[in-house]
Amino acid sequence: MRTRGGFFKHFSCPYTFYSPNEYETWLHAAGLIPKRLELIPKDMMQKGREALAGWIRTTWLPYTERIPEKQRNAFIDETIRRYLQDFPEDKDDVIHVKMMWLEVEAVKKFVIIYICRFSLAYGSRICSRSRAR
């Protein structure tokens, strides 16, 4: 198997994780009002090596697609072997991968406009309601 300098030369990770502050700025720019922005730890659990291999095979495409197809399984197996050296399976053969999720709750801001016309002659009023964005 080639080293990182071979298959991963000039590689930059396409996955980017922005901070809640960055998302808050973008929410306002999109006309949304942030209600909650929260980093939430996630324990991604896989029952055994084969389950972890399946997860890597289907979610790590920017990495695995750089490896020739005939060598991908060996690459995934080596990745798992190295990971388990530092983070072994638990007593139930479950492999834990620490992850972080960013949860965002926001609402669209809008204004409700009431237009009322009063008739002095008839003592009546007609009102209509519309939403302006």
N, C-alpha and C. Protein backbone atom coordinates (compact mmCIF):
# COMPACT_ATOMS: atom_id res chain seq x y z
N MET A 1 0.85 -1.18 0.00
CA MET A 1 0.00 0.00 0.00
C MET A 1 0.90 1.24 0.00
N ARG A 2 0.56 2.20 -0.82
CA ARG A 2 1.33 3.44 -0.88
C ARG A 2 1.12 4.25 0.39
N THR A 3 2.05 5.13 0.62
CA THR A 3 1.91 6.00 1.79
C THR A 3 0.99 7.16 1.43
N ARG A 4 0.71 7.96 2.41
CA ARG A 4 -0.15 9.13 2.20
C ARG A 4 0.38 10.01 1.08
N GLY A 5 1.69 10.10 0.94
CA GLY A 5 2.28 10.92 -0.11
C GLY A 5 1.94 10.43 -1.50
N GLY A 6 1.51 9.18 -1.64
CA GLY A 6 1.14 8.65 -2.94
C GLY A 6 -0.30 8.95 -3.29
N PHE A 7 -1.22 8.23 -2.68
CA PHE A 7 -2.63 8.40 -3.00
C PHE A 7 -3.21 9.72 -2.50
N PHE A 8 -2.60 10.26 -1.48
CA PHE A 8 -3.18 11.46 -0.86
C PHE A 8 -2.34 12.71 -1.08
N LYS A 9 -1.49 12.67 -2.07
CA LYS A 9 -0.69 13.86 -2.41
C LYS A 9 -1.65 14.95 -2.89
N HIS A 10 -1.48 16.14 -2.37
CA HIS A 10 -2.32 17.31 -2.69
C HIS A 10 -3.78 17.12 -2.26
N PHE A 11 -4.02 16.25 -1.31
CA PHE A 11 -5.37 16.01 -0.82
C PHE A 11 -5.69 17.00 0.28
N SER A 12 -6.88 17.57 0.22
CA SER A 12 -7.38 18.36 1.34
C SER A 12 -8.77 17.85 1.66
N CYS A 13 -9.04 17.75 2.92
CA CYS A 13 -10.31 17.19 3.37
C CYS A 13 -11.47 18.08 2.94
N PRO A 14 -12.47 17.50 2.25
CA PRO A 14 -13.60 18.31 1.82
C PRO A 14 -14.61 18.58 2.92
N TYR A 15 -14.49 17.87 4.03
CA TYR A 15 -15.43 18.07 5.14
C TYR A 15 -14.92 19.21 6.00
N THR A 16 -15.80 20.16 6.25
CA THR A 16 -15.43 21.30 7.07
C THR A 16 -16.47 21.46 8.16
N PHE A 17 -16.00 21.73 9.34
CA PHE A 17 -16.90 21.90 10.46
C PHE A 17 -16.75 23.33 10.97
N TYR A 18 -17.77 24.12 10.74
CA TYR A 18 -17.73 25.52 11.16
C TYR A 18 -18.26 25.66 12.58
N SER A 19 -17.92 26.76 13.18
CA SER A 19 -18.33 27.01 14.57
C SER A 19 -19.76 27.53 14.62
N PRO A 20 -20.38 27.42 15.78
CA PRO A 20 -21.72 28.00 15.94
C PRO A 20 -21.75 29.50 15.61
N ASN A 21 -20.68 30.22 15.94
CA ASN A 21 -20.64 31.66 15.64
C ASN A 21 -20.69 31.93 14.15
N GLU A 22 -19.98 31.11 13.36
CA GLU A 22 -20.01 31.28 11.91
C GLU A 22 -21.41 30.99 11.36
N TYR A 23 -22.04 29.92 11.86
CA TYR A 23 -23.39 29.60 11.41
C TYR A 23 -24.38 30.70 11.80
N GLU A 24 -24.20 31.28 12.96
CA GLU A 24 -25.12 32.34 13.40
C GLU A 24 -25.07 33.51 12.42
N THR A 25 -23.87 33.89 12.00
CA THR A 25 -23.72 34.97 11.02
C THR A 25 -24.44 34.63 9.72
N TRP A 26 -24.27 33.40 9.25
CA TRP A 26 -24.90 32.98 7.99
C TRP A 26 -26.41 32.90 8.13
N LEU A 27 -26.90 32.50 9.29
CA LEU A 27 -28.35 32.44 9.51
C LEU A 27 -28.96 33.82 9.39
N HIS A 28 -28.33 34.80 10.04
CA HIS A 28 -28.82 36.18 9.95
C HIS A 28 -28.79 36.66 8.50
N ALA A 29 -27.73 36.37 7.78
CA ALA A 29 -27.60 36.79 6.38
C ALA A 29 -28.68 36.16 5.51
N ALA A 30 -29.16 34.98 5.89
CA ALA A 30 -30.20 34.28 5.14
C ALA A 30 -31.60 34.68 5.59
N GLY A 31 -31.69 35.64 6.51
CA GLY A 31 -33.00 36.08 6.98
C GLY A 31 -33.61 35.17 8.04
N LEU A 32 -32.77 34.40 8.72
CA LEU A 32 -33.25 33.50 9.77
C LEU A 32 -32.82 34.03 11.13
N ILE A 33 -33.63 33.73 12.13
CA ILE A 33 -33.31 34.12 13.50
C ILE A 33 -32.90 32.87 14.26
N PRO A 34 -31.64 32.82 14.71
CA PRO A 34 -31.20 31.63 15.45
C PRO A 34 -31.90 31.53 16.80
N LYS A 35 -32.40 30.35 17.09
CA LYS A 35 -32.98 30.07 18.40
C LYS A 35 -32.01 29.26 19.24
N ARG A 36 -31.28 28.35 18.57
CA ARG A 36 -30.34 27.49 19.28
C ARG A 36 -29.27 27.01 18.31
N LEU A 37 -28.02 27.14 18.70
CA LEU A 37 -26.88 26.58 17.98
C LEU A 37 -26.06 25.83 19.01
N GLU A 38 -25.94 24.53 18.84
CA GLU A 38 -25.34 23.73 19.90
C GLU A 38 -24.47 22.62 19.33
N LEU A 39 -23.25 22.51 19.86
CA LEU A 39 -22.39 21.38 19.53
C LEU A 39 -22.76 20.23 20.46
N ILE A 40 -23.06 19.08 19.86
CA ILE A 40 -23.52 17.94 20.64
C ILE A 40 -22.59 16.75 20.38
N PRO A 41 -21.93 16.24 21.42
CA PRO A 41 -21.09 15.05 21.23
C PRO A 41 -21.94 13.85 20.82
N LYS A 42 -21.41 13.06 19.93
CA LYS A 42 -22.11 11.87 19.43
C LYS A 42 -21.16 10.69 19.52
N ASP A 43 -21.63 9.61 20.07
CA ASP A 43 -20.87 8.37 20.11
C ASP A 43 -21.38 7.50 18.97
N MET A 44 -20.65 7.49 17.87
CA MET A 44 -21.03 6.66 16.72
C MET A 44 -20.56 5.25 17.04
N MET A 45 -21.50 4.33 17.16
CA MET A 45 -21.17 2.96 17.56
C MET A 45 -21.40 2.00 16.40
N GLN A 46 -20.44 1.11 16.21
CA GLN A 46 -20.55 0.07 15.20
C GLN A 46 -20.28 -1.27 15.87
N LYS A 47 -21.12 -2.23 15.59
CA LYS A 47 -20.98 -3.57 16.19
C LYS A 47 -19.97 -4.37 15.37
N GLY A 48 -18.72 -4.26 15.76
CA GLY A 48 -17.66 -5.06 15.14
C GLY A 48 -17.00 -4.40 13.94
N ARG A 49 -15.95 -5.05 13.49
CA ARG A 49 -15.12 -4.52 12.41
C ARG A 49 -15.87 -4.43 11.08
N GLU A 50 -16.69 -5.41 10.78
CA GLU A 50 -17.39 -5.40 9.50
C GLU A 50 -18.37 -4.23 9.41
N ALA A 51 -19.04 -3.94 10.51
CA ALA A 51 -19.95 -2.78 10.53
C ALA A 51 -19.17 -1.48 10.35
N LEU A 52 -18.03 -1.37 11.03
CA LEU A 52 -17.20 -0.18 10.87
C LEU A 52 -16.69 -0.08 9.44
N ALA A 53 -16.29 -1.19 8.85
CA ALA A 53 -15.82 -1.19 7.47
C ALA A 53 -16.94 -0.71 6.53
N GLY A 54 -18.17 -1.13 6.77
CA GLY A 54 -19.30 -0.70 5.95
C GLY A 54 -19.54 0.80 6.07
N TRP A 55 -19.40 1.31 7.28
CA TRP A 55 -19.57 2.75 7.49
C TRP A 55 -18.48 3.52 6.76
N ILE A 56 -17.24 3.06 6.88
CA ILE A 56 -16.14 3.73 6.18
C ILE A 56 -16.35 3.65 4.67
N ARG A 57 -16.75 2.50 4.18
CA ARG A 57 -16.96 2.29 2.74
C ARG A 57 -18.01 3.24 2.17
N THR A 58 -19.03 3.58 2.96
CA THR A 58 -20.14 4.39 2.44
C THR A 58 -20.08 5.86 2.81
N THR A 59 -19.23 6.23 3.76
CA THR A 59 -19.19 7.64 4.18
C THR A 59 -17.84 8.31 3.96
N TRP A 60 -16.81 7.57 3.78
CA TRP A 60 -15.47 8.14 3.61
C TRP A 60 -15.08 8.23 2.14
N LEU A 61 -16.03 8.47 1.28
CA LEU A 61 -15.77 8.44 -0.15
C LEU A 61 -14.65 9.38 -0.61
N PRO A 62 -14.51 10.58 -0.05
CA PRO A 62 -13.40 11.41 -0.50
C PRO A 62 -12.03 10.74 -0.27
N TYR A 63 -11.96 9.87 0.72
CA TYR A 63 -10.72 9.15 1.01
C TYR A 63 -10.63 7.86 0.19
N THR A 64 -11.68 7.06 0.26
CA THR A 64 -11.61 5.74 -0.37
C THR A 64 -11.58 5.80 -1.89
N GLU A 65 -12.19 6.82 -2.49
CA GLU A 65 -12.17 6.92 -3.94
C GLU A 65 -10.79 7.23 -4.51
N ARG A 66 -9.89 7.68 -3.66
CA ARG A 66 -8.51 7.95 -4.11
C ARG A 66 -7.69 6.66 -4.21
N ILE A 67 -8.19 5.61 -3.61
CA ILE A 67 -7.50 4.33 -3.60
C ILE A 67 -8.02 3.50 -4.78
N PRO A 68 -7.13 2.88 -5.57
CA PRO A 68 -7.61 1.99 -6.63
C PRO A 68 -8.55 0.95 -6.06
N GLU A 69 -9.60 0.65 -6.80
CA GLU A 69 -10.67 -0.23 -6.32
C GLU A 69 -10.15 -1.56 -5.77
N LYS A 70 -9.17 -2.12 -6.42
CA LYS A 70 -8.64 -3.42 -5.98
C LYS A 70 -7.91 -3.34 -4.63
N GLN A 71 -7.56 -2.14 -4.22
CA GLN A 71 -6.82 -1.96 -2.97
C GLN A 71 -7.66 -1.33 -1.86
N ARG A 72 -8.90 -0.98 -2.14
CA ARG A 72 -9.73 -0.28 -1.15
C ARG A 72 -9.99 -1.10 0.09
N ASN A 73 -10.34 -2.36 -0.07
CA ASN A 73 -10.63 -3.18 1.12
C ASN A 73 -9.40 -3.28 2.02
N ALA A 74 -8.22 -3.42 1.42
CA ALA A 74 -6.99 -3.48 2.22
C ALA A 74 -6.76 -2.15 2.94
N PHE A 75 -7.05 -1.03 2.27
CA PHE A 75 -6.92 0.29 2.88
C PHE A 75 -7.87 0.42 4.06
N ILE A 76 -9.12 0.01 3.89
CA ILE A 76 -10.12 0.08 4.96
C ILE A 76 -9.71 -0.81 6.13
N ASP A 77 -9.26 -2.01 5.83
CA ASP A 77 -8.82 -2.93 6.89
C ASP A 77 -7.65 -2.34 7.67
N GLU A 78 -6.71 -1.74 6.97
CA GLU A 78 -5.55 -1.13 7.64
C GLU A 78 -5.98 0.07 8.49
N THR A 79 -6.91 0.86 7.97
CA THR A 79 -7.43 2.00 8.73
C THR A 79 -8.07 1.53 10.03
N ILE A 80 -8.88 0.48 9.95
CA ILE A 80 -9.54 -0.07 11.13
C ILE A 80 -8.52 -0.64 12.10
N ARG A 81 -7.54 -1.37 11.58
CA ARG A 81 -6.51 -1.96 12.45
C ARG A 81 -5.80 -0.86 13.24
N ARG A 82 -5.43 0.20 12.56
CA ARG A 82 -4.73 1.30 13.24
C ARG A 82 -5.64 2.02 14.24
N TYR A 83 -6.89 2.22 13.88
CA TYR A 83 -7.82 2.88 14.78
C TYR A 83 -8.00 2.06 16.06
N LEU A 84 -8.15 0.75 15.90
CA LEU A 84 -8.39 -0.11 17.05
C LEU A 84 -7.17 -0.25 17.96
N GLN A 85 -5.99 0.08 17.46
CA GLN A 85 -4.81 0.09 18.33
C GLN A 85 -4.98 1.13 19.43
N ASP A 86 -5.56 2.28 19.07
CA ASP A 86 -5.75 3.36 20.04
C ASP A 86 -7.12 3.33 20.71
N PHE A 87 -8.12 2.79 20.02
CA PHE A 87 -9.49 2.78 20.54
C PHE A 87 -10.09 1.38 20.34
N PRO A 88 -9.71 0.44 21.18
CA PRO A 88 -10.17 -0.95 20.99
C PRO A 88 -11.68 -1.10 21.21
N GLU A 89 -12.21 -2.20 20.69
CA GLU A 89 -13.62 -2.53 20.87
C GLU A 89 -13.90 -2.69 22.37
N ASP A 90 -15.14 -2.40 22.75
CA ASP A 90 -15.50 -2.59 24.16
C ASP A 90 -15.80 -4.07 24.41
N LYS A 91 -16.23 -4.39 25.61
CA LYS A 91 -16.45 -5.80 26.00
C LYS A 91 -17.55 -6.47 25.17
N ASP A 92 -18.41 -5.67 24.52
CA ASP A 92 -19.48 -6.21 23.68
C ASP A 92 -19.12 -6.18 22.20
N ASP A 93 -17.83 -5.99 21.91
CA ASP A 93 -17.33 -5.90 20.52
C ASP A 93 -17.89 -4.69 19.76
N VAL A 94 -18.23 -3.65 20.48
CA VAL A 94 -18.72 -2.42 19.86
C VAL A 94 -17.54 -1.46 19.71
N ILE A 95 -17.45 -0.86 18.54
CA ILE A 95 -16.40 0.12 18.27
C ILE A 95 -17.05 1.50 18.37
N HIS A 96 -16.42 2.36 19.15
CA HIS A 96 -16.93 3.71 19.38
C HIS A 96 -16.07 4.72 18.63
N VAL A 97 -16.72 5.63 17.91
CA VAL A 97 -16.03 6.73 17.24
C VAL A 97 -16.66 8.01 17.75
N LYS A 98 -15.83 8.84 18.38
CA LYS A 98 -16.34 10.11 18.91
C LYS A 98 -16.52 11.08 17.76
N MET A 99 -17.72 11.66 17.73
CA MET A 99 -18.05 12.63 16.69
C MET A 99 -18.71 13.84 17.35
N MET A 100 -18.94 14.86 16.55
CA MET A 100 -19.60 16.06 17.04
C MET A 100 -20.65 16.46 16.02
N TRP A 101 -21.85 16.75 16.48
CA TRP A 101 -22.91 17.26 15.63
C TRP A 101 -23.17 18.71 15.99
N LEU A 102 -23.50 19.49 15.00
CA LEU A 102 -23.94 20.85 15.24
C LEU A 102 -25.43 20.88 14.98
N GLU A 103 -26.22 21.17 16.01
CA GLU A 103 -27.66 21.29 15.85
C GLU A 103 -28.02 22.76 15.78
N VAL A 104 -28.83 23.09 14.80
CA VAL A 104 -29.25 24.47 14.59
C VAL A 104 -30.77 24.51 14.58
N GLU A 105 -31.30 25.43 15.35
CA GLU A 105 -32.74 25.68 15.33
C GLU A 105 -32.90 27.16 15.03
N ALA A 106 -33.64 27.46 13.97
CA ALA A 106 -33.82 28.85 13.55
C ALA A 106 -35.22 29.02 12.99
N VAL A 107 -35.67 30.26 12.99
CA VAL A 107 -36.98 30.56 12.43
C VAL A 107 -36.83 31.65 11.37
N LYS A 108 -37.73 31.62 10.41
CA LYS A 108 -37.74 32.63 9.36
C LYS A 108 -38.38 33.88 9.93
N LYS A 109 -37.71 34.99 9.75
CA LYS A 109 -38.32 36.22 10.25
C LYS A 109 -39.26 36.78 9.19
N PHE A 110 -40.36 37.27 9.67
CA PHE A 110 -41.32 37.91 8.79
C PHE A 110 -42.08 38.96 9.59
N VAL A 111 -42.73 39.83 8.86
CA VAL A 111 -43.49 40.91 9.48
C VAL A 111 -44.94 40.75 9.04
N ILE A 112 -45.83 40.89 9.98
CA ILE A 112 -47.25 40.89 9.65
C ILE A 112 -47.71 42.34 9.59
N ILE A 113 -48.29 42.69 8.47
CA ILE A 113 -48.74 44.07 8.27
C ILE A 113 -50.27 44.08 8.31
N TYR A 114 -50.81 44.92 9.15
CA TYR A 114 -52.25 45.11 9.21
C TYR A 114 -52.57 46.45 8.55
N ILE A 115 -53.46 46.42 7.61
CA ILE A 115 -53.91 47.65 6.97
C ILE A 115 -55.40 47.78 7.28
N CYS A 116 -55.72 48.86 7.93
CA CYS A 116 -57.12 49.09 8.29
C CYS A 116 -57.59 50.40 7.66
N ARG A 117 -58.79 50.34 7.11
CA ARG A 117 -59.42 51.54 6.54
C ARG A 117 -60.70 51.80 7.35
N PHE A 118 -60.80 53.00 7.79
CA PHE A 118 -61.97 53.37 8.57
C PHE A 118 -62.89 54.24 7.72
N SER A 119 -64.12 53.95 7.79
CA SER A 119 -65.11 54.77 7.08
C SER A 119 -65.82 55.64 8.10
N LEU A 120 -65.59 56.93 7.97
CA LEU A 120 -66.23 57.86 8.89
C LEU A 120 -67.73 57.95 8.60
N ALA A 121 -68.05 57.80 7.35
CA ALA A 121 -69.46 57.94 6.98
C ALA A 121 -70.29 56.77 7.49
N TYR A 122 -69.74 55.57 7.45
CA TYR A 122 -70.53 54.40 7.84
C TYR A 122 -70.13 53.84 9.21
N GLY A 123 -69.09 54.39 9.79
CA GLY A 123 -68.67 53.91 11.11
C GLY A 123 -68.14 52.48 11.08
N SER A 124 -67.62 52.06 9.95
CA SER A 124 -67.11 50.70 9.84
C SER A 124 -65.60 50.69 9.60
N ARG A 125 -65.08 49.51 9.72
CA ARG A 125 -63.65 49.37 9.49
C ARG A 125 -63.42 48.07 8.71
N ILE A 126 -62.48 48.12 7.79
CA ILE A 126 -62.08 46.93 7.01
C ILE A 126 -60.59 46.74 7.21
N CYS A 127 -60.22 45.58 7.66
CA CYS A 127 -58.81 45.30 7.91
C CYS A 127 -58.38 44.10 7.08
N SER A 128 -57.16 44.16 6.64
CA SER A 128 -56.57 42.99 5.95
C SER A 128 -55.19 42.74 6.55
N ARG A 129 -54.81 41.53 6.47
CA ARG A 129 -53.53 41.12 7.05
C ARG A 129 -52.68 40.52 5.94
N SER A 130 -51.42 40.90 5.87
CA SER A 130 -50.51 40.27 4.91
C SER A 130 -49.16 40.08 5.55
N ARG A 131 -48.39 39.17 4.96
CA ARG A 131 -47.04 38.90 5.46
C ARG A 131 -46.04 39.51 4.51
N ALA A 132 -45.16 40.28 5.05
CA ALA A 132 -44.05 40.82 4.26
C ALA A 132 -42.79 40.12 4.70
N ARG A 133 -41.95 39.78 3.77
CA ARG A 133 -40.73 39.07 4.12
C ARG A 133 -39.56 40.01 4.19
